[in-house]
Amino acid sequence: TLATNSVDSAELIDGAIDASHLASGINKPSISDGGNATALTIDSNEYVVQNNLPFIFWMGNDLNTRTIANNDTFFNTAQASQAAASASGSTTITGKASNGITYTSGNGRFTVPVAGRYYMAATFYYASATDQAVSVALYTNGNHAVIYNIVQCTEATSVTISGCANLRANDYIDFRNISGGSRPFYMADTHTGGRIFLIG
């Protein structure tokens, strides 16, 4: 039986110790996958760093106001909305603006690569002074409004939604206008955008 703190990282052999026999104080500052790529590290301050978390950040890609019909999807080029752009301003989301989560401009969907709990948020800019209710929603797999926000707008207003959901691998997320009618939204990068990332 292993004593507490009796094994350090140099003495651990893959597969030699199963979970039922782990000592309470094993000194192993990193965890690797089968190919020896570091997946997680714990530094001397006990901060945990996960090296390959799925995430995506995006912004609007249009300096015009777009009229989004009721139940239509934002960032969907097959409908009235313009495709999302990355932080670098390209028309696709690549490089530093994403890791693992994919965006499809033809349907406005963001697809997650692995199961887990995800944080999701987006901001939309209602571009009118007309007094009316504006509601935007986040859907998973096209049939369930996980999060929504409704605002009675009397002027141009930012409408934000955010929350968490447990998702399966290859589940997809999209954002929709569910105001009960068409609404105008300004789709510029300074006014519209969002983020999704795995938190556990």
C-alpha atoms as a PDB file:
ATOM      1  CA  THR A   1       0.000   0.000   0.000  1.00  0.00           C
ATOM      2  CA  LEU A   2       1.362   3.422  -0.958  1.00  0.00           C
ATOM      3  CA  ALA A   3       1.940   5.936   1.791  1.00  0.00           C
ATOM      4  CA  THR A   4       0.813   9.531   1.430  1.00  0.00           C
ATOM      5  CA  ASN A   5       3.310  11.562  -0.668  1.00  0.00           C
ATOM      6  CA  SER A   6       5.469   8.473  -1.255  1.00  0.00           C
ATOM      7  CA  VAL A   7       5.378   8.619  -5.057  1.00  0.00           C
ATOM      8  CA  ASP A   8       6.520  11.561  -7.166  1.00  0.00           C
ATOM      9  CA  SER A   9       5.989  12.171 -10.874  1.00  0.00           C
ATOM     10  CA  ALA A  10       9.324  10.609 -11.876  1.00  0.00           C
ATOM     11  CA  GLU A  11       8.306   7.279 -10.359  1.00  0.00           C
ATOM     12  CA  LEU A  12       4.850   6.968 -11.911  1.00  0.00           C
ATOM     13  CA  ILE A  13       4.562   4.382 -14.676  1.00  0.00           C
ATOM     14  CA  ASP A  14       1.604   4.476 -17.070  1.00  0.00           C
ATOM     15  CA  GLY A  15      -0.977   1.891 -16.042  1.00  0.00           C
ATOM     16  CA  ALA A  16       0.912   0.823 -12.912  1.00  0.00           C
ATOM     17  CA  ILE A  17      -1.511   2.434 -10.461  1.00  0.00           C
ATOM     18  CA  ASP A  18      -5.282   2.456 -10.865  1.00  0.00           C
ATOM     19  CA  ALA A  19      -7.648   4.975  -9.279  1.00  0.00           C
ATOM     20  CA  SER A  20      -8.458   2.753  -6.295  1.00  0.00           C
ATOM     21  CA  HIS A  21      -4.813   2.721  -5.204  1.00  0.00           C
ATOM     22  CA  LEU A  22      -3.826   6.366  -5.646  1.00  0.00           C
ATOM     23  CA  ALA A  23      -2.219   8.005  -2.630  1.00  0.00           C
ATOM     24  CA  SER A  24      -3.724  11.250  -1.399  1.00  0.00           C
ATOM     25  CA  GLY A  25      -0.687  13.380  -2.170  1.00  0.00           C
ATOM     26  CA  ILE A  26       0.740  12.243  -5.493  1.00  0.00           C
ATOM     27  CA  ASN A  27       3.112  14.892  -6.807  1.00  0.00           C
ATOM     28  CA  LYS A  28       2.365  14.942 -10.527  1.00  0.00           C
ATOM     29  CA  PRO A  29       2.181  18.467 -11.998  1.00  0.00           C
ATOM     30  CA  SER A  30       0.818  17.449 -15.402  1.00  0.00           C
ATOM     31  CA  ILE A  31      -1.495  14.891 -17.012  1.00  0.00           C
ATOM     32  CA  SER A  32      -0.840  13.641 -20.536  1.00  0.00           C
ATOM     33  CA  ASP A  33      -2.837  11.773 -23.146  1.00  0.00           C
ATOM     34  CA  GLY A  34      -1.806   8.479 -24.720  1.00  0.00           C
ATOM     35  CA  GLY A  35       0.509  10.304 -27.114  1.00  0.00           C
ATOM     36  CA  ASN A  36       2.284  12.111 -24.260  1.00  0.00           C
ATOM     37  CA  ALA A  37       0.821  15.496 -25.177  1.00  0.00           C
ATOM     38  CA  THR A  38       0.187  17.515 -22.022  1.00  0.00           C
ATOM     39  CA  ALA A  39      -3.565  17.861 -21.460  1.00  0.00           C
ATOM     40  CA  LEU A  40      -3.536  19.525 -18.040  1.00  0.00           C
ATOM     41  CA  THR A  41      -0.968  21.204 -15.809  1.00  0.00           C
ATOM     42  CA  ILE A  42      -1.001  22.404 -12.204  1.00  0.00           C
ATOM     43  CA  ASP A  43       1.556  25.104 -11.399  1.00  0.00           C
ATOM     44  CA  SER A  44       3.245  25.909  -8.086  1.00  0.00           C
ATOM     45  CA  ASN A  45       0.352  28.222  -7.151  1.00  0.00           C
ATOM     46  CA  GLU A  46      -2.114  25.359  -7.798  1.00  0.00           C
ATOM     47  CA  TYR A  47      -3.586  27.063 -10.860  1.00  0.00           C
ATOM     48  CA  VAL A  48      -4.973  24.491 -13.291  1.00  0.00           C
ATOM     49  CA  VAL A  49      -4.421  24.956 -17.025  1.00  0.00           C
ATOM     50  CA  GLN A  50      -6.214  22.798 -19.588  1.00  0.00           C
ATOM     51  CA  ASN A  51      -4.302  23.056 -22.825  1.00  0.00           C
ATOM     52  CA  ASN A  52      -6.921  22.160 -25.412  1.00  0.00           C
ATOM     53  CA  LEU A  53     -10.309  23.449 -24.281  1.00  0.00           C
ATOM     54  CA  PRO A  54     -12.875  23.843 -27.072  1.00  0.00           C
ATOM     55  CA  PHE A  55     -13.890  27.488 -27.556  1.00  0.00           C
ATOM     56  CA  ILE A  56     -15.080  29.964 -30.142  1.00  0.00           C
ATOM     57  CA  PHE A  57     -15.324  33.762 -30.215  1.00  0.00           C
ATOM     58  CA  TRP A  58     -16.969  35.652 -33.052  1.00  0.00           C
ATOM     59  CA  MET A  59     -18.283  39.052 -34.124  1.00  0.00           C
ATOM     60  CA  GLY A  60     -20.778  40.369 -36.629  1.00  0.00           C
ATOM     61  CA  ASN A  61     -19.504  40.944 -40.152  1.00  0.00           C
ATOM     62  CA  ASP A  62     -21.766  43.586 -41.665  1.00  0.00           C
ATOM     63  CA  LEU A  63     -22.023  47.381 -41.354  1.00  0.00           C
ATOM     64  CA  ASN A  64     -25.692  47.227 -42.321  1.00  0.00           C
ATOM     65  CA  THR A  65     -28.927  46.681 -40.456  1.00  0.00           C
ATOM     66  CA  ARG A  66     -30.451  43.306 -41.251  1.00  0.00           C
ATOM     67  CA  THR A  67     -34.133  42.482 -40.808  1.00  0.00           C
ATOM     68  CA  ILE A  68     -34.326  39.069 -39.140  1.00  0.00           C
ATOM     69  CA  ALA A  69     -37.668  37.302 -39.525  1.00  0.00           C
ATOM     70  CA  ASN A  70     -39.354  35.671 -36.560  1.00  0.00           C
ATOM     71  CA  ASN A  71     -37.719  32.279 -35.800  1.00  0.00           C
ATOM     72  CA  ASP A  72     -34.900  32.957 -38.259  1.00  0.00           C
ATOM     73  CA  THR A  73     -31.325  32.233 -37.207  1.00  0.00           C
ATOM     74  CA  PHE A  74     -28.618  34.841 -36.718  1.00  0.00           C
ATOM     75  CA  PHE A  75     -25.327  34.390 -38.633  1.00  0.00           C
ATOM     76  CA  ASN A  76     -27.133  32.246 -41.216  1.00  0.00           C
ATOM     77  CA  THR A  77     -26.278  33.279 -44.785  1.00  0.00           C
ATOM     78  CA  ALA A  78     -29.166  31.187 -46.140  1.00  0.00           C
ATOM     79  CA  GLN A  79     -31.509  33.644 -44.406  1.00  0.00           C
ATOM     80  CA  ALA A  80     -31.260  37.429 -44.080  1.00  0.00           C
ATOM     81  CA  SER A  81     -28.401  37.486 -41.591  1.00  0.00           C
ATOM     82  CA  GLN A  82     -24.771  37.986 -42.484  1.00  0.00           C
ATOM     83  CA  ALA A  83     -22.183  35.341 -41.607  1.00  0.00           C
ATOM     84  CA  ALA A  84     -20.212  35.753 -38.411  1.00  0.00           C
ATOM     85  CA  ALA A  85     -16.625  36.937 -38.583  1.00  0.00           C
ATOM     86  CA  SER A  86     -13.641  36.061 -36.448  1.00  0.00           C
ATOM     87  CA  ALA A  87     -11.756  38.480 -34.229  1.00  0.00           C
ATOM     88  CA  SER A  88      -9.285  38.951 -37.075  1.00  0.00           C
ATOM     89  CA  GLY A  89     -12.060  40.143 -39.374  1.00  0.00           C
ATOM     90  CA  SER A  90     -12.083  37.217 -41.794  1.00  0.00           C
ATOM     91  CA  THR A  91     -15.355  35.777 -43.052  1.00  0.00           C
ATOM     92  CA  THR A  92     -14.669  32.456 -41.373  1.00  0.00           C
ATOM     93  CA  ILE A  93     -13.787  31.663 -37.772  1.00  0.00           C
ATOM     94  CA  THR A  94     -10.250  30.298 -37.671  1.00  0.00           C
ATOM     95  CA  GLY A  95      -6.978  30.578 -35.792  1.00  0.00           C
ATOM     96  CA  LYS A  96      -7.046  32.305 -32.424  1.00  0.00           C
ATOM     97  CA  ALA A  97     -10.812  32.789 -32.580  1.00  0.00           C
ATOM     98  CA  SER A  98     -11.679  29.107 -32.289  1.00  0.00           C
ATOM     99  CA  ASN A  99     -10.529  25.700 -31.135  1.00  0.00           C
ATOM    100  CA  GLY A 100     -12.609  22.610 -31.833  1.00  0.00           C
ATOM    101  CA  ILE A 101     -16.039  24.282 -32.039  1.00  0.00           C
ATOM    102  CA  THR A 102     -17.070  24.709 -35.661  1.00  0.00           C
ATOM    103  CA  TYR A 103     -19.276  27.380 -37.234  1.00  0.00           C
ATOM    104  CA  THR A 104     -21.282  26.762 -40.423  1.00  0.00           C
ATOM    105  CA  SER A 105     -22.340  29.982 -42.144  1.00  0.00           C
ATOM    106  CA  GLY A 106     -24.964  28.236 -44.322  1.00  0.00           C
ATOM    107  CA  ASN A 107     -27.140  27.483 -41.306  1.00  0.00           C
ATOM    108  CA  GLY A 108     -25.695  29.595 -38.468  1.00  0.00           C
ATOM    109  CA  ARG A 109     -24.828  26.574 -36.341  1.00  0.00           C
ATOM    110  CA  PHE A 110     -22.003  26.217 -33.833  1.00  0.00           C
ATOM    111  CA  THR A 111     -21.133  22.530 -33.271  1.00  0.00           C
ATOM    112  CA  VAL A 112     -19.268  21.312 -30.187  1.00  0.00           C
ATOM    113  CA  PRO A 113     -16.682  18.498 -30.474  1.00  0.00           C
ATOM    114  CA  VAL A 114     -16.992  16.792 -27.070  1.00  0.00           C
ATOM    115  CA  ALA A 115     -19.560  16.290 -24.330  1.00  0.00           C
ATOM    116  CA  GLY A 116     -19.493  18.614 -21.340  1.00  0.00           C
ATOM    117  CA  ARG A 117     -20.877  21.734 -19.711  1.00  0.00           C
ATOM    118  CA  TYR A 118     -20.554  24.785 -21.961  1.00  0.00           C
ATOM    119  CA  TYR A 119     -20.822  28.505 -21.289  1.00  0.00           C
ATOM    120  CA  MET A 120     -22.608  30.337 -24.119  1.00  0.00           C
ATOM    121  CA  ALA A 121     -23.308  34.033 -24.626  1.00  0.00           C
ATOM    122  CA  ALA A 122     -24.146  36.444 -27.433  1.00  0.00           C
ATOM    123  CA  THR A 123     -25.087  40.102 -27.875  1.00  0.00           C
ATOM    124  CA  PHE A 124     -27.378  41.525 -30.556  1.00  0.00           C
ATOM    125  CA  TYR A 125     -28.164  45.172 -31.305  1.00  0.00           C
ATOM    126  CA  TYR A 126     -31.785  46.077 -31.942  1.00  0.00           C
ATOM    127  CA  ALA A 127     -31.517  48.894 -34.472  1.00  0.00           C
ATOM    128  CA  SER A 128     -34.752  50.872 -34.180  1.00  0.00           C
ATOM    129  CA  ALA A 129     -36.526  53.417 -31.982  1.00  0.00           C
ATOM    130  CA  THR A 130     -39.838  51.621 -32.480  1.00  0.00           C
ATOM    131  CA  ASP A 131     -41.461  50.659 -29.169  1.00  0.00           C
ATOM    132  CA  GLN A 132     -41.731  46.869 -29.328  1.00  0.00           C
ATOM    133  CA  ALA A 133     -40.654  43.695 -27.590  1.00  0.00           C
ATOM    134  CA  VAL A 134     -37.418  42.126 -28.772  1.00  0.00           C
ATOM    135  CA  SER A 135     -36.532  38.565 -27.828  1.00  0.00           C
ATOM    136  CA  VAL A 136     -33.525  36.490 -28.809  1.00  0.00           C
ATOM    137  CA  ALA A 137     -32.929  32.854 -27.882  1.00  0.00           C
ATOM    138  CA  LEU A 138     -30.246  30.192 -27.878  1.00  0.00           C
ATOM    139  CA  TYR A 139     -31.332  26.807 -29.246  1.00  0.00           C
ATOM    140  CA  THR A 140     -29.666  23.403 -29.007  1.00  0.00           C
ATOM    141  CA  ASN A 141     -30.123  20.932 -31.855  1.00  0.00           C
ATOM    142  CA  GLY A 142     -32.755  23.150 -33.417  1.00  0.00           C
ATOM    143  CA  ASN A 143     -35.625  22.318 -31.135  1.00  0.00           C
ATOM    144  CA  HIS A 144     -35.130  23.586 -27.621  1.00  0.00           C
ATOM    145  CA  ALA A 145     -34.754  27.172 -26.422  1.00  0.00           C
ATOM    146  CA  VAL A 146     -32.181  26.783 -23.644  1.00  0.00           C
ATOM    147  CA  ILE A 147     -31.864  30.508 -22.912  1.00  0.00           C
ATOM    148  CA  TYR A 148     -33.838  33.519 -24.001  1.00  0.00           C
ATOM    149  CA  ASN A 149     -34.099  37.194 -23.172  1.00  0.00           C
ATOM    150  CA  ILE A 150     -37.012  39.527 -23.889  1.00  0.00           C
ATOM    151  CA  VAL A 151     -36.673  43.306 -23.695  1.00  0.00           C
ATOM    152  CA  GLN A 152     -39.270  46.010 -24.284  1.00  0.00           C
ATOM    153  CA  CYS A 153     -37.267  48.410 -26.449  1.00  0.00           C
ATOM    154  CA  THR A 154     -38.109  52.070 -26.991  1.00  0.00           C
ATOM    155  CA  GLU A 155     -34.769  52.893 -28.634  1.00  0.00           C
ATOM    156  CA  ALA A 156     -31.771  51.145 -30.154  1.00  0.00           C
ATOM    157  CA  THR A 157     -30.749  48.586 -27.524  1.00  0.00           C
ATOM    158  CA  SER A 158     -28.254  45.777 -26.955  1.00  0.00           C
ATOM    159  CA  VAL A 159     -29.903  42.468 -26.060  1.00  0.00           C
ATOM    160  CA  THR A 160     -27.646  39.864 -24.413  1.00  0.00           C
ATOM    161  CA  ILE A 161     -28.210  36.212 -23.538  1.00  0.00           C
ATOM    162  CA  SER A 162     -25.874  33.978 -21.546  1.00  0.00           C
ATOM    163  CA  GLY A 163     -25.980  30.703 -19.673  1.00  0.00           C
ATOM    164  CA  CYS A 164     -24.680  27.155 -19.375  1.00  0.00           C
ATOM    165  CA  ALA A 165     -25.884  23.826 -20.736  1.00  0.00           C
ATOM    166  CA  ASN A 166     -24.771  20.212 -20.713  1.00  0.00           C
ATOM    167  CA  LEU A 167     -24.133  19.194 -24.318  1.00  0.00           C
ATOM    168  CA  ARG A 168     -23.179  15.969 -26.065  1.00  0.00           C
ATOM    169  CA  ALA A 169     -20.481  15.592 -28.688  1.00  0.00           C
ATOM    170  CA  ASN A 170     -21.707  17.006 -32.033  1.00  0.00           C
ATOM    171  CA  ASP A 171     -24.632  18.891 -30.500  1.00  0.00           C
ATOM    172  CA  TYR A 172     -25.143  22.246 -32.177  1.00  0.00           C
ATOM    173  CA  ILE A 173     -26.189  25.679 -30.986  1.00  0.00           C
ATOM    174  CA  ASP A 174     -27.844  28.500 -32.872  1.00  0.00           C
ATOM    175  CA  PHE A 175     -29.265  31.922 -32.004  1.00  0.00           C
ATOM    176  CA  ARG A 176     -32.703  33.084 -33.148  1.00  0.00           C
ATOM    177  CA  ASN A 177     -35.041  36.024 -33.226  1.00  0.00           C
ATOM    178  CA  ILE A 178     -38.186  34.882 -31.374  1.00  0.00           C
ATOM    179  CA  SER A 179     -39.801  38.305 -30.981  1.00  0.00           C
ATOM    180  CA  GLY A 180     -43.067  37.273 -32.637  1.00  0.00           C
ATOM    181  CA  GLY A 181     -42.253  39.231 -35.797  1.00  0.00           C
ATOM    182  CA  SER A 182     -39.376  40.592 -37.876  1.00  0.00           C
ATOM    183  CA  ARG A 183     -36.910  42.868 -36.095  1.00  0.00           C
ATOM    184  CA  PRO A 184     -33.993  44.987 -37.384  1.00  0.00           C
ATOM    185  CA  PHE A 185     -30.521  44.210 -35.996  1.00  0.00           C
ATOM    186  CA  TYR A 186     -27.266  46.040 -36.660  1.00  0.00           C
ATOM    187  CA  MET A 187     -24.692  43.331 -37.410  1.00  0.00           C
ATOM    188  CA  ALA A 188     -21.384  45.235 -37.119  1.00  0.00           C
ATOM    189  CA  ASP A 189     -18.463  43.751 -35.201  1.00  0.00           C
ATOM    190  CA  THR A 190     -18.721  46.548 -32.611  1.00  0.00           C
ATOM    191  CA  HIS A 191     -22.341  45.679 -31.798  1.00  0.00           C
ATOM    192  CA  THR A 192     -22.875  41.953 -32.381  1.00  0.00           C
ATOM    193  CA  GLY A 193     -20.925  38.862 -31.351  1.00  0.00           C
ATOM    194  CA  GLY A 194     -20.649  35.913 -29.026  1.00  0.00           C
ATOM    195  CA  ARG A 195     -18.645  33.212 -27.349  1.00  0.00           C
ATOM    196  CA  ILE A 196     -18.972  29.527 -26.460  1.00  0.00           C
ATOM    197  CA  PHE A 197     -16.483  27.506 -24.445  1.00  0.00           C
ATOM    198  CA  LEU A 198     -16.226  24.300 -22.463  1.00  0.00           C
ATOM    199  CA  ILE A 199     -16.030  24.832 -18.716  1.00  0.00           C
ATOM    200  CA  GLY A 200     -16.081  21.225 -17.491  1.00  0.00           C
END
